[in-house]
């Protein structure tokens, strides 16, 4: 399965969009819609880049769910697990 547009919108709603790197409450540098890999102090991105990063990163999480869950899921269940 793949993350739906609704699932992507859910992630965007709860993560919020930050175009400048910031330290989250856990002290991790974060940017875009909760992206943490390779983020450093002073990094800046565009909204278009944040969307691309989210789409690319979600493939990893889709694969985790697709490989781990062995029962049929509705799209909403899958979206919730990926998010």
N, C-alpha and C. Protein backbone atom coordinates (compact mmCIF):
# COMPACT_ATOMS: atom_id res chain seq x y z
N UNK A 1 0.83 -1.18 0.00
CA UNK A 1 0.00 0.00 0.00
C UNK A 1 0.88 1.24 0.00
N UNK A 2 0.28 2.34 -0.36
CA UNK A 2 0.95 3.64 -0.39
C UNK A 2 0.16 4.62 0.48
N UNK A 3 0.85 5.57 1.06
CA UNK A 3 0.21 6.62 1.83
C UNK A 3 -0.70 7.43 0.92
N UNK A 4 -1.92 7.66 1.34
CA UNK A 4 -2.87 8.44 0.54
C UNK A 4 -2.61 9.94 0.73
N UNK A 5 -3.24 10.73 -0.13
CA UNK A 5 -3.17 12.18 0.02
C UNK A 5 -3.74 12.61 1.36
N UNK A 6 -4.79 11.94 1.80
CA UNK A 6 -5.39 12.25 3.11
C UNK A 6 -4.40 11.97 4.23
N UNK A 7 -3.68 10.86 4.13
CA UNK A 7 -2.67 10.53 5.13
C UNK A 7 -1.55 11.54 5.14
N UNK A 8 -1.14 11.97 3.96
CA UNK A 8 -0.09 12.97 3.85
C UNK A 8 -0.56 14.30 4.46
N UNK A 9 -1.81 14.65 4.21
CA UNK A 9 -2.37 15.88 4.80
C UNK A 9 -2.41 15.78 6.32
N UNK A 10 -2.69 14.60 6.86
CA UNK A 10 -2.71 14.39 8.30
C UNK A 10 -1.33 14.66 8.89
N UNK A 11 -0.31 14.11 8.26
CA UNK A 11 1.06 14.33 8.73
C UNK A 11 1.39 15.82 8.69
N UNK A 12 1.07 16.47 7.58
CA UNK A 12 1.36 17.89 7.44
C UNK A 12 0.65 18.71 8.52
N UNK A 13 -0.60 18.34 8.82
CA UNK A 13 -1.38 19.07 9.83
C UNK A 13 -0.71 18.98 11.20
N UNK A 14 -0.32 17.77 11.60
CA UNK A 14 0.21 17.59 12.95
C UNK A 14 1.68 17.99 13.07
N UNK A 15 2.45 17.83 12.01
CA UNK A 15 3.87 18.21 12.07
C UNK A 15 4.06 19.71 11.88
N UNK A 16 3.25 20.31 11.04
CA UNK A 16 3.45 21.72 10.71
C UNK A 16 4.66 21.86 9.80
N UNK A 17 4.75 22.98 9.13
CA UNK A 17 5.84 23.23 8.18
C UNK A 17 6.80 24.25 8.76
N UNK A 18 8.05 23.87 8.84
CA UNK A 18 9.12 24.77 9.29
C UNK A 18 10.18 24.80 8.21
N UNK A 19 10.43 25.97 7.65
CA UNK A 19 11.38 26.10 6.55
C UNK A 19 12.81 26.38 7.03
N UNK A 20 12.96 26.67 8.30
CA UNK A 20 14.28 26.87 8.91
C UNK A 20 14.47 25.80 9.99
N UNK A 21 15.66 25.24 10.03
CA UNK A 21 15.96 24.19 11.01
C UNK A 21 15.75 24.71 12.43
N UNK A 22 15.18 23.85 13.25
CA UNK A 22 14.96 24.20 14.66
C UNK A 22 15.18 22.94 15.49
N UNK A 23 15.43 23.13 16.77
CA UNK A 23 15.57 21.99 17.67
C UNK A 23 14.19 21.65 18.23
N UNK A 24 13.77 20.41 18.02
CA UNK A 24 12.49 19.96 18.56
C UNK A 24 12.64 19.79 20.07
N UNK A 25 11.54 19.51 20.80
CA UNK A 25 11.64 19.35 22.25
C UNK A 25 12.63 18.27 22.69
N UNK A 26 12.90 17.29 21.81
CA UNK A 26 13.86 16.24 22.15
C UNK A 26 15.30 16.68 21.86
N UNK A 27 15.48 17.92 21.36
CA UNK A 27 16.81 18.43 21.10
C UNK A 27 17.40 18.00 19.77
N UNK A 28 16.55 17.57 18.82
CA UNK A 28 17.00 17.10 17.51
C UNK A 28 16.72 18.17 16.47
N UNK A 29 17.71 18.46 15.62
CA UNK A 29 17.49 19.43 14.54
C UNK A 29 16.47 18.87 13.57
N UNK A 30 15.47 19.68 13.24
CA UNK A 30 14.31 19.27 12.45
C UNK A 30 14.00 20.36 11.44
N UNK A 31 13.43 19.95 10.29
CA UNK A 31 13.06 20.91 9.25
C UNK A 31 11.90 20.33 8.44
N UNK A 32 11.23 21.18 7.70
CA UNK A 32 10.13 20.71 6.84
C UNK A 32 8.97 20.21 7.67
N UNK A 33 8.49 19.01 7.33
CA UNK A 33 7.39 18.38 8.05
C UNK A 33 7.93 17.29 8.98
N UNK A 34 8.82 17.67 9.89
CA UNK A 34 9.35 16.73 10.86
C UNK A 34 10.55 15.93 10.38
N UNK A 35 11.21 16.39 9.32
CA UNK A 35 12.37 15.69 8.78
C UNK A 35 13.57 15.92 9.68
N UNK A 36 14.30 14.84 10.04
CA UNK A 36 15.44 14.97 10.95
C UNK A 36 16.76 14.47 10.37
N UNK A 37 16.73 13.69 9.31
CA UNK A 37 17.96 13.08 8.78
C UNK A 37 18.83 14.12 8.09
N UNK A 38 20.05 14.28 8.60
CA UNK A 38 21.00 15.18 7.97
C UNK A 38 20.73 16.66 8.16
N UNK A 39 19.88 17.00 9.11
CA UNK A 39 19.54 18.42 9.34
C UNK A 39 20.56 19.03 10.30
N UNK A 40 21.00 20.23 9.96
CA UNK A 40 21.97 20.94 10.79
C UNK A 40 21.47 22.34 11.10
N UNK A 41 22.01 22.90 12.14
CA UNK A 41 21.70 24.28 12.50
C UNK A 41 21.95 25.19 11.30
N UNK A 42 21.02 26.09 11.03
CA UNK A 42 21.17 27.05 9.95
C UNK A 42 20.59 26.60 8.61
N UNK A 43 20.18 25.33 8.51
CA UNK A 43 19.59 24.84 7.26
C UNK A 43 18.28 25.55 6.96
N UNK A 44 18.05 25.82 5.69
CA UNK A 44 16.79 26.40 5.22
C UNK A 44 16.38 25.69 3.94
N UNK A 45 15.06 25.52 3.75
CA UNK A 45 14.52 24.88 2.56
C UNK A 45 13.30 25.65 2.08
N UNK A 46 12.81 25.28 0.91
CA UNK A 46 11.56 25.85 0.40
C UNK A 46 10.41 24.90 0.72
N UNK A 47 9.19 25.40 0.58
CA UNK A 47 8.01 24.56 0.80
C UNK A 47 8.01 23.41 -0.21
N UNK A 48 8.43 23.66 -1.43
CA UNK A 48 8.49 22.61 -2.44
C UNK A 48 9.46 21.51 -2.02
N UNK A 49 10.60 21.89 -1.50
CA UNK A 49 11.58 20.92 -1.01
C UNK A 49 11.02 20.14 0.17
N UNK A 50 10.31 20.80 1.07
CA UNK A 50 9.71 20.12 2.21
C UNK A 50 8.71 19.06 1.75
N UNK A 51 7.91 19.38 0.75
CA UNK A 51 6.96 18.40 0.20
C UNK A 51 7.69 17.21 -0.41
N UNK A 52 8.74 17.48 -1.16
CA UNK A 52 9.52 16.41 -1.79
C UNK A 52 10.15 15.52 -0.72
N UNK A 53 10.70 16.13 0.31
CA UNK A 53 11.33 15.37 1.39
C UNK A 53 10.31 14.47 2.08
N UNK A 54 9.11 14.99 2.31
CA UNK A 54 8.07 14.20 2.96
C UNK A 54 7.70 12.99 2.11
N UNK A 55 7.47 13.21 0.83
CA UNK A 55 7.09 12.12 -0.07
C UNK A 55 8.19 11.06 -0.12
N UNK A 56 9.42 11.49 -0.25
CA UNK A 56 10.55 10.55 -0.32
C UNK A 56 10.71 9.77 0.98
N UNK A 57 10.57 10.46 2.10
CA UNK A 57 10.76 9.79 3.39
C UNK A 57 9.63 8.82 3.71
N UNK A 58 8.44 9.12 3.26
CA UNK A 58 7.30 8.24 3.56
C UNK A 58 7.45 6.86 2.91
N UNK A 59 8.20 6.76 1.84
CA UNK A 59 8.44 5.45 1.21
C UNK A 59 9.08 4.50 2.23
N UNK A 60 10.02 5.00 3.02
CA UNK A 60 10.66 4.18 4.05
C UNK A 60 9.63 3.66 5.05
N UNK A 61 8.75 4.55 5.50
CA UNK A 61 7.77 4.16 6.51
C UNK A 61 6.67 3.27 5.92
N UNK A 62 6.31 3.51 4.68
CA UNK A 62 5.36 2.62 3.99
C UNK A 62 5.93 1.21 3.95
N UNK A 63 7.22 1.10 3.64
CA UNK A 63 7.85 -0.21 3.57
C UNK A 63 7.86 -0.91 4.93
N UNK A 64 8.10 -0.17 6.00
CA UNK A 64 8.06 -0.77 7.33
C UNK A 64 6.69 -1.42 7.59
N UNK A 65 5.64 -0.67 7.30
CA UNK A 65 4.29 -1.19 7.55
C UNK A 65 3.98 -2.34 6.60
N UNK A 66 4.27 -2.18 5.33
CA UNK A 66 3.99 -3.24 4.36
C UNK A 66 4.72 -4.54 4.70
N UNK A 67 5.92 -4.45 5.26
CA UNK A 67 6.69 -5.64 5.60
C UNK A 67 6.31 -6.24 6.95
N UNK A 68 5.86 -5.42 7.87
CA UNK A 68 5.59 -5.90 9.23
C UNK A 68 4.16 -6.37 9.45
N UNK A 69 3.21 -5.75 8.81
CA UNK A 69 1.80 -6.05 9.06
C UNK A 69 1.34 -7.13 8.09
N UNK A 70 0.81 -8.20 8.64
CA UNK A 70 0.43 -9.36 7.82
C UNK A 70 -1.07 -9.55 7.70
N UNK A 71 -1.85 -8.57 8.07
CA UNK A 71 -3.31 -8.62 7.91
C UNK A 71 -3.72 -7.50 6.97
N UNK A 72 -4.90 -7.63 6.38
CA UNK A 72 -5.40 -6.59 5.50
C UNK A 72 -5.72 -5.33 6.31
N UNK A 73 -5.36 -4.19 5.75
CA UNK A 73 -5.64 -2.90 6.39
C UNK A 73 -6.52 -2.07 5.48
N UNK A 74 -7.34 -1.23 6.08
CA UNK A 74 -8.03 -0.22 5.29
C UNK A 74 -7.02 0.87 4.98
N UNK A 75 -7.34 1.74 4.05
CA UNK A 75 -6.43 2.84 3.73
C UNK A 75 -6.23 3.74 4.94
N UNK A 76 -7.31 3.98 5.70
CA UNK A 76 -7.19 4.84 6.89
C UNK A 76 -6.27 4.20 7.93
N UNK A 77 -6.37 2.89 8.13
CA UNK A 77 -5.50 2.21 9.08
C UNK A 77 -4.04 2.32 8.65
N UNK A 78 -3.80 2.09 7.36
CA UNK A 78 -2.45 2.16 6.83
C UNK A 78 -1.88 3.57 7.00
N UNK A 79 -2.68 4.56 6.63
CA UNK A 79 -2.24 5.96 6.76
C UNK A 79 -1.88 6.29 8.20
N UNK A 80 -2.71 5.83 9.14
CA UNK A 80 -2.45 6.12 10.56
C UNK A 80 -1.14 5.46 11.01
N UNK A 81 -0.90 4.25 10.57
CA UNK A 81 0.33 3.55 10.96
C UNK A 81 1.56 4.22 10.35
N UNK A 82 1.48 4.63 9.11
CA UNK A 82 2.61 5.30 8.47
C UNK A 82 2.87 6.64 9.15
N UNK A 83 1.82 7.36 9.50
CA UNK A 83 2.01 8.67 10.11
C UNK A 83 2.57 8.53 11.52
